[in-house]
N, C-alpha and C. Protein backbone atom coordinates (compact mmCIF):
# COMPACT_ATOMS: atom_id res chain seq x y z
N MET A 1 0.84 -1.17 0.00
CA MET A 1 0.00 0.00 0.00
C MET A 1 0.90 1.25 0.00
N LYS A 2 0.56 2.22 -0.78
CA LYS A 2 1.32 3.46 -0.89
C LYS A 2 1.06 4.35 0.34
N VAL A 3 2.10 4.98 0.84
CA VAL A 3 1.99 5.89 1.98
C VAL A 3 2.35 7.29 1.50
N GLU A 4 1.48 8.26 1.82
CA GLU A 4 1.68 9.65 1.42
C GLU A 4 1.56 10.55 2.64
N TRP A 5 2.08 11.74 2.52
CA TRP A 5 1.96 12.77 3.55
C TRP A 5 1.20 13.95 2.96
N SER A 6 0.25 14.49 3.71
CA SER A 6 -0.37 15.75 3.28
C SER A 6 0.64 16.87 3.53
N ARG A 7 0.49 17.95 2.83
CA ARG A 7 1.38 19.11 3.02
C ARG A 7 1.31 19.58 4.47
N HIS A 8 0.10 19.61 5.01
CA HIS A 8 -0.09 20.03 6.41
C HIS A 8 0.70 19.14 7.36
N ALA A 9 0.63 17.83 7.17
CA ALA A 9 1.33 16.90 8.05
C ALA A 9 2.84 17.06 7.92
N GLU A 10 3.33 17.23 6.70
CA GLU A 10 4.77 17.46 6.50
C GLU A 10 5.23 18.70 7.24
N ASP A 11 4.48 19.78 7.09
CA ASP A 11 4.84 21.04 7.75
C ASP A 11 4.79 20.89 9.27
N SER A 12 3.76 20.22 9.77
CA SER A 12 3.62 20.03 11.21
C SER A 12 4.75 19.17 11.77
N ALA A 13 5.14 18.13 11.06
CA ALA A 13 6.25 17.28 11.50
C ALA A 13 7.55 18.07 11.54
N ALA A 14 7.78 18.90 10.56
CA ALA A 14 8.99 19.73 10.54
C ALA A 14 9.01 20.69 11.72
N ARG A 15 7.86 21.33 11.99
CA ARG A 15 7.78 22.24 13.13
C ARG A 15 7.99 21.50 14.44
N ALA A 16 7.43 20.29 14.55
CA ALA A 16 7.60 19.49 15.76
C ALA A 16 9.07 19.16 15.99
N ALA A 17 9.75 18.74 14.93
CA ALA A 17 11.17 18.40 15.05
C ALA A 17 11.98 19.63 15.45
N GLN A 18 11.66 20.77 14.88
CA GLN A 18 12.37 22.00 15.23
C GLN A 18 12.13 22.36 16.69
N PHE A 19 10.90 22.17 17.15
CA PHE A 19 10.57 22.49 18.54
C PHE A 19 11.35 21.59 19.49
N ILE A 20 11.37 20.29 19.21
CA ILE A 20 12.11 19.34 20.05
C ILE A 20 13.60 19.69 20.04
N ALA A 21 14.12 20.05 18.87
CA ALA A 21 15.55 20.31 18.71
C ALA A 21 16.02 21.55 19.46
N ARG A 22 15.11 22.44 19.80
CA ARG A 22 15.52 23.64 20.54
C ARG A 22 16.26 23.27 21.82
N ASP A 23 15.73 22.28 22.53
CA ASP A 23 16.33 21.87 23.80
C ASP A 23 17.13 20.58 23.70
N LYS A 24 16.72 19.71 22.75
CA LYS A 24 17.34 18.38 22.68
C LYS A 24 17.53 17.96 21.23
N PRO A 25 18.59 18.42 20.59
CA PRO A 25 18.81 18.07 19.18
C PRO A 25 18.85 16.57 18.92
N ASP A 26 19.50 15.82 19.81
CA ASP A 26 19.57 14.36 19.62
C ASP A 26 18.20 13.72 19.71
N ALA A 27 17.37 14.22 20.62
CA ALA A 27 16.01 13.69 20.76
C ALA A 27 15.19 13.98 19.50
N ALA A 28 15.42 15.11 18.89
CA ALA A 28 14.70 15.44 17.66
C ALA A 28 15.06 14.47 16.54
N LEU A 29 16.34 14.13 16.44
CA LEU A 29 16.76 13.16 15.42
C LEU A 29 16.16 11.78 15.70
N GLU A 30 16.16 11.38 16.96
CA GLU A 30 15.57 10.09 17.34
C GLU A 30 14.08 10.08 17.01
N TRP A 31 13.40 11.19 17.28
CA TRP A 31 11.97 11.27 17.00
C TRP A 31 11.72 11.14 15.49
N LEU A 32 12.52 11.83 14.70
CA LEU A 32 12.35 11.75 13.25
C LEU A 32 12.59 10.33 12.72
N VAL A 33 13.58 9.64 13.26
CA VAL A 33 13.82 8.26 12.86
C VAL A 33 12.63 7.38 13.22
N ALA A 34 12.10 7.57 14.43
CA ALA A 34 10.92 6.79 14.85
C ALA A 34 9.72 7.08 13.97
N VAL A 35 9.55 8.33 13.59
CA VAL A 35 8.44 8.70 12.69
C VAL A 35 8.62 8.02 11.35
N ARG A 36 9.81 8.11 10.79
CA ARG A 36 10.06 7.52 9.48
C ARG A 36 9.82 6.00 9.50
N GLU A 37 10.33 5.32 10.51
CA GLU A 37 10.15 3.87 10.60
C GLU A 37 8.68 3.49 10.78
N SER A 38 7.99 4.22 11.64
CA SER A 38 6.58 3.91 11.90
C SER A 38 5.72 4.15 10.67
N VAL A 39 5.94 5.27 10.00
CA VAL A 39 5.14 5.58 8.82
C VAL A 39 5.44 4.59 7.69
N ALA A 40 6.69 4.19 7.55
CA ALA A 40 7.03 3.20 6.52
C ALA A 40 6.29 1.88 6.76
N ALA A 41 6.13 1.51 8.02
CA ALA A 41 5.43 0.26 8.35
C ALA A 41 3.95 0.32 7.99
N LEU A 42 3.39 1.52 7.89
CA LEU A 42 1.97 1.65 7.55
C LEU A 42 1.66 1.07 6.17
N GLY A 43 2.63 1.08 5.29
CA GLY A 43 2.43 0.52 3.96
C GLY A 43 2.09 -0.96 4.01
N ARG A 44 2.64 -1.66 4.98
CA ARG A 44 2.37 -3.09 5.14
C ARG A 44 1.30 -3.38 6.17
N PHE A 45 1.20 -2.51 7.17
CA PHE A 45 0.27 -2.73 8.28
C PHE A 45 -0.56 -1.47 8.54
N PRO A 46 -1.46 -1.13 7.63
CA PRO A 46 -2.20 0.13 7.78
C PRO A 46 -3.09 0.19 9.01
N ASN A 47 -3.49 -0.93 9.55
CA ASN A 47 -4.35 -0.92 10.73
C ASN A 47 -3.58 -0.97 12.04
N MET A 48 -2.26 -0.77 11.99
CA MET A 48 -1.46 -0.91 13.21
C MET A 48 -1.74 0.18 14.24
N GLY A 49 -2.18 1.34 13.82
CA GLY A 49 -2.50 2.40 14.76
C GLY A 49 -3.89 2.23 15.32
N ARG A 50 -4.14 2.93 16.42
CA ARG A 50 -5.49 2.86 17.02
C ARG A 50 -6.42 3.84 16.32
N VAL A 51 -7.71 3.55 16.39
CA VAL A 51 -8.71 4.48 15.86
C VAL A 51 -8.62 5.76 16.68
N VAL A 52 -8.66 6.90 16.01
CA VAL A 52 -8.60 8.19 16.72
C VAL A 52 -9.86 8.30 17.58
N PRO A 53 -9.70 8.36 18.90
CA PRO A 53 -10.87 8.35 19.79
C PRO A 53 -11.88 9.47 19.51
N GLU A 54 -11.37 10.66 19.18
CA GLU A 54 -12.28 11.79 18.97
C GLU A 54 -13.07 11.67 17.68
N ILE A 55 -12.60 10.86 16.75
CA ILE A 55 -13.29 10.71 15.47
C ILE A 55 -14.15 9.46 15.47
N GLY A 56 -13.58 8.34 15.91
CA GLY A 56 -14.34 7.10 16.02
C GLY A 56 -14.61 6.37 14.72
N LEU A 57 -13.99 6.77 13.64
CA LEU A 57 -14.16 6.10 12.35
C LEU A 57 -12.95 5.22 12.09
N PRO A 58 -13.16 3.97 11.65
CA PRO A 58 -12.02 3.06 11.50
C PRO A 58 -10.98 3.47 10.46
N GLU A 59 -11.34 4.33 9.53
CA GLU A 59 -10.36 4.75 8.53
C GLU A 59 -9.43 5.86 9.03
N PHE A 60 -9.74 6.46 10.17
CA PHE A 60 -8.87 7.47 10.78
C PHE A 60 -8.18 6.86 11.99
N ARG A 61 -6.88 6.70 11.87
CA ARG A 61 -6.10 6.06 12.91
C ARG A 61 -4.92 6.95 13.30
N GLU A 62 -4.26 6.57 14.38
CA GLU A 62 -3.13 7.36 14.83
C GLU A 62 -2.04 6.48 15.41
N LEU A 63 -0.84 6.97 15.25
CA LEU A 63 0.33 6.40 15.90
C LEU A 63 0.80 7.43 16.90
N VAL A 64 1.09 7.00 18.10
CA VAL A 64 1.61 7.92 19.11
C VAL A 64 3.11 7.71 19.18
N ILE A 65 3.81 8.76 18.81
CA ILE A 65 5.27 8.78 18.90
C ILE A 65 5.57 9.99 19.79
N PRO A 66 5.69 9.72 21.09
CA PRO A 66 5.76 10.81 22.07
C PRO A 66 6.78 11.88 21.68
N PRO A 67 6.39 13.11 21.86
CA PRO A 67 5.14 13.60 22.45
C PRO A 67 4.08 13.98 21.41
N TYR A 68 4.09 13.33 20.25
CA TYR A 68 3.15 13.69 19.18
C TYR A 68 2.30 12.51 18.73
N ARG A 69 1.18 12.85 18.10
CA ARG A 69 0.27 11.88 17.49
C ARG A 69 0.33 12.10 15.97
N LEU A 70 0.53 11.02 15.24
CA LEU A 70 0.48 11.08 13.78
C LEU A 70 -0.86 10.50 13.35
N VAL A 71 -1.72 11.35 12.84
CA VAL A 71 -3.06 10.93 12.43
C VAL A 71 -3.02 10.62 10.94
N TYR A 72 -3.57 9.46 10.58
CA TYR A 72 -3.58 9.07 9.18
C TYR A 72 -4.93 8.51 8.78
N GLN A 73 -5.17 8.52 7.48
CA GLN A 73 -6.43 8.03 6.93
C GLN A 73 -6.11 6.90 5.96
N ILE A 74 -6.87 5.82 6.10
CA ILE A 74 -6.73 4.69 5.20
C ILE A 74 -7.73 4.86 4.07
N LEU A 75 -7.22 4.93 2.87
CA LEU A 75 -8.04 5.07 1.67
C LEU A 75 -7.81 3.85 0.79
N LYS A 76 -8.54 3.74 -0.27
CA LYS A 76 -8.37 2.62 -1.18
C LYS A 76 -6.97 2.63 -1.77
N GLY A 77 -6.16 1.63 -1.42
CA GLY A 77 -4.84 1.48 -1.98
C GLY A 77 -3.77 2.41 -1.45
N ARG A 78 -4.09 3.24 -0.46
CA ARG A 78 -3.08 4.16 0.07
C ARG A 78 -3.42 4.59 1.49
N VAL A 79 -2.40 5.07 2.15
CA VAL A 79 -2.52 5.63 3.49
C VAL A 79 -1.99 7.05 3.41
N VAL A 80 -2.73 7.99 4.00
CA VAL A 80 -2.31 9.40 3.96
C VAL A 80 -2.15 9.91 5.39
N VAL A 81 -0.94 10.34 5.73
CA VAL A 81 -0.72 11.00 7.01
C VAL A 81 -1.31 12.39 6.87
N VAL A 82 -2.32 12.69 7.70
CA VAL A 82 -3.04 13.95 7.54
C VAL A 82 -2.68 15.02 8.57
N ALA A 83 -2.13 14.61 9.72
CA ALA A 83 -1.82 15.60 10.75
C ALA A 83 -0.79 15.06 11.73
N VAL A 84 -0.03 15.97 12.30
CA VAL A 84 0.88 15.67 13.40
C VAL A 84 0.48 16.63 14.50
N ARG A 85 0.02 16.08 15.61
CA ARG A 85 -0.50 16.90 16.72
C ARG A 85 0.22 16.53 18.00
N HIS A 86 0.37 17.49 18.89
CA HIS A 86 0.93 17.17 20.20
C HIS A 86 0.00 16.18 20.89
N ALA A 87 0.55 15.23 21.61
CA ALA A 87 -0.25 14.17 22.22
C ALA A 87 -1.30 14.70 23.19
N ARG A 88 -1.07 15.86 23.77
CA ARG A 88 -2.07 16.43 24.69
C ARG A 88 -3.20 17.14 23.97
N SER A 89 -3.07 17.35 22.66
CA SER A 89 -4.09 18.06 21.90
C SER A 89 -5.16 17.09 21.41
N SER A 90 -6.39 17.54 21.43
CA SER A 90 -7.46 16.73 20.85
C SER A 90 -7.50 16.97 19.35
N TRP A 91 -8.15 16.09 18.65
CA TRP A 91 -8.25 16.17 17.20
C TRP A 91 -9.22 17.27 16.79
N ARG A 92 -8.89 17.92 15.72
CA ARG A 92 -9.81 18.79 15.00
C ARG A 92 -9.32 18.83 13.57
N ASP A 93 -10.12 19.36 12.70
CA ASP A 93 -9.76 19.42 11.28
C ASP A 93 -8.42 20.12 11.13
N PRO A 94 -7.43 19.49 10.46
CA PRO A 94 -6.13 20.15 10.33
C PRO A 94 -6.19 21.49 9.61
N ALA A 95 -7.21 21.71 8.80
CA ALA A 95 -7.36 22.99 8.12
C ALA A 95 -7.63 24.12 9.13
N ASP A 96 -8.15 23.74 10.32
CA ASP A 96 -8.44 24.71 11.36
C ASP A 96 -7.27 24.88 12.32
N ASP A 97 -6.17 24.21 12.09
CA ASP A 97 -5.06 24.17 13.03
C ASP A 97 -4.30 25.49 13.01
N THR A 98 -4.38 26.20 14.11
CA THR A 98 -3.60 27.42 14.25
C THR A 98 -2.65 27.32 15.42
N GLU A 99 -2.68 26.18 16.13
CA GLU A 99 -1.82 25.99 17.27
C GLU A 99 -0.40 25.77 16.80
N SER A 100 0.53 26.43 17.43
CA SER A 100 1.94 26.19 17.10
C SER A 100 2.41 24.99 17.89
N THR A 101 3.33 24.23 17.30
CA THR A 101 3.85 23.04 17.98
C THR A 101 4.98 23.40 18.90
């Protein structure tokens, strides 16, 4: 299954890594490696994440890679990472996201 990133998710992941790197550059690199490995696994195991509790639809799932949640949608033949949110944040439409990471 093909794995894609939305522009919003790419931008949010970059901001998250920059935020982590302010205090802990090594931790930011470790987080990015964990994100890359986890997202790559979605191609083979798209149901590996839990259903996003706030949404409750089986096609919207998330991987928790502390301190962030990677929200993705399973579509026909592909998986799309749609948002990267701080783990303490609840879900909302990424188009409405004005919170800085």
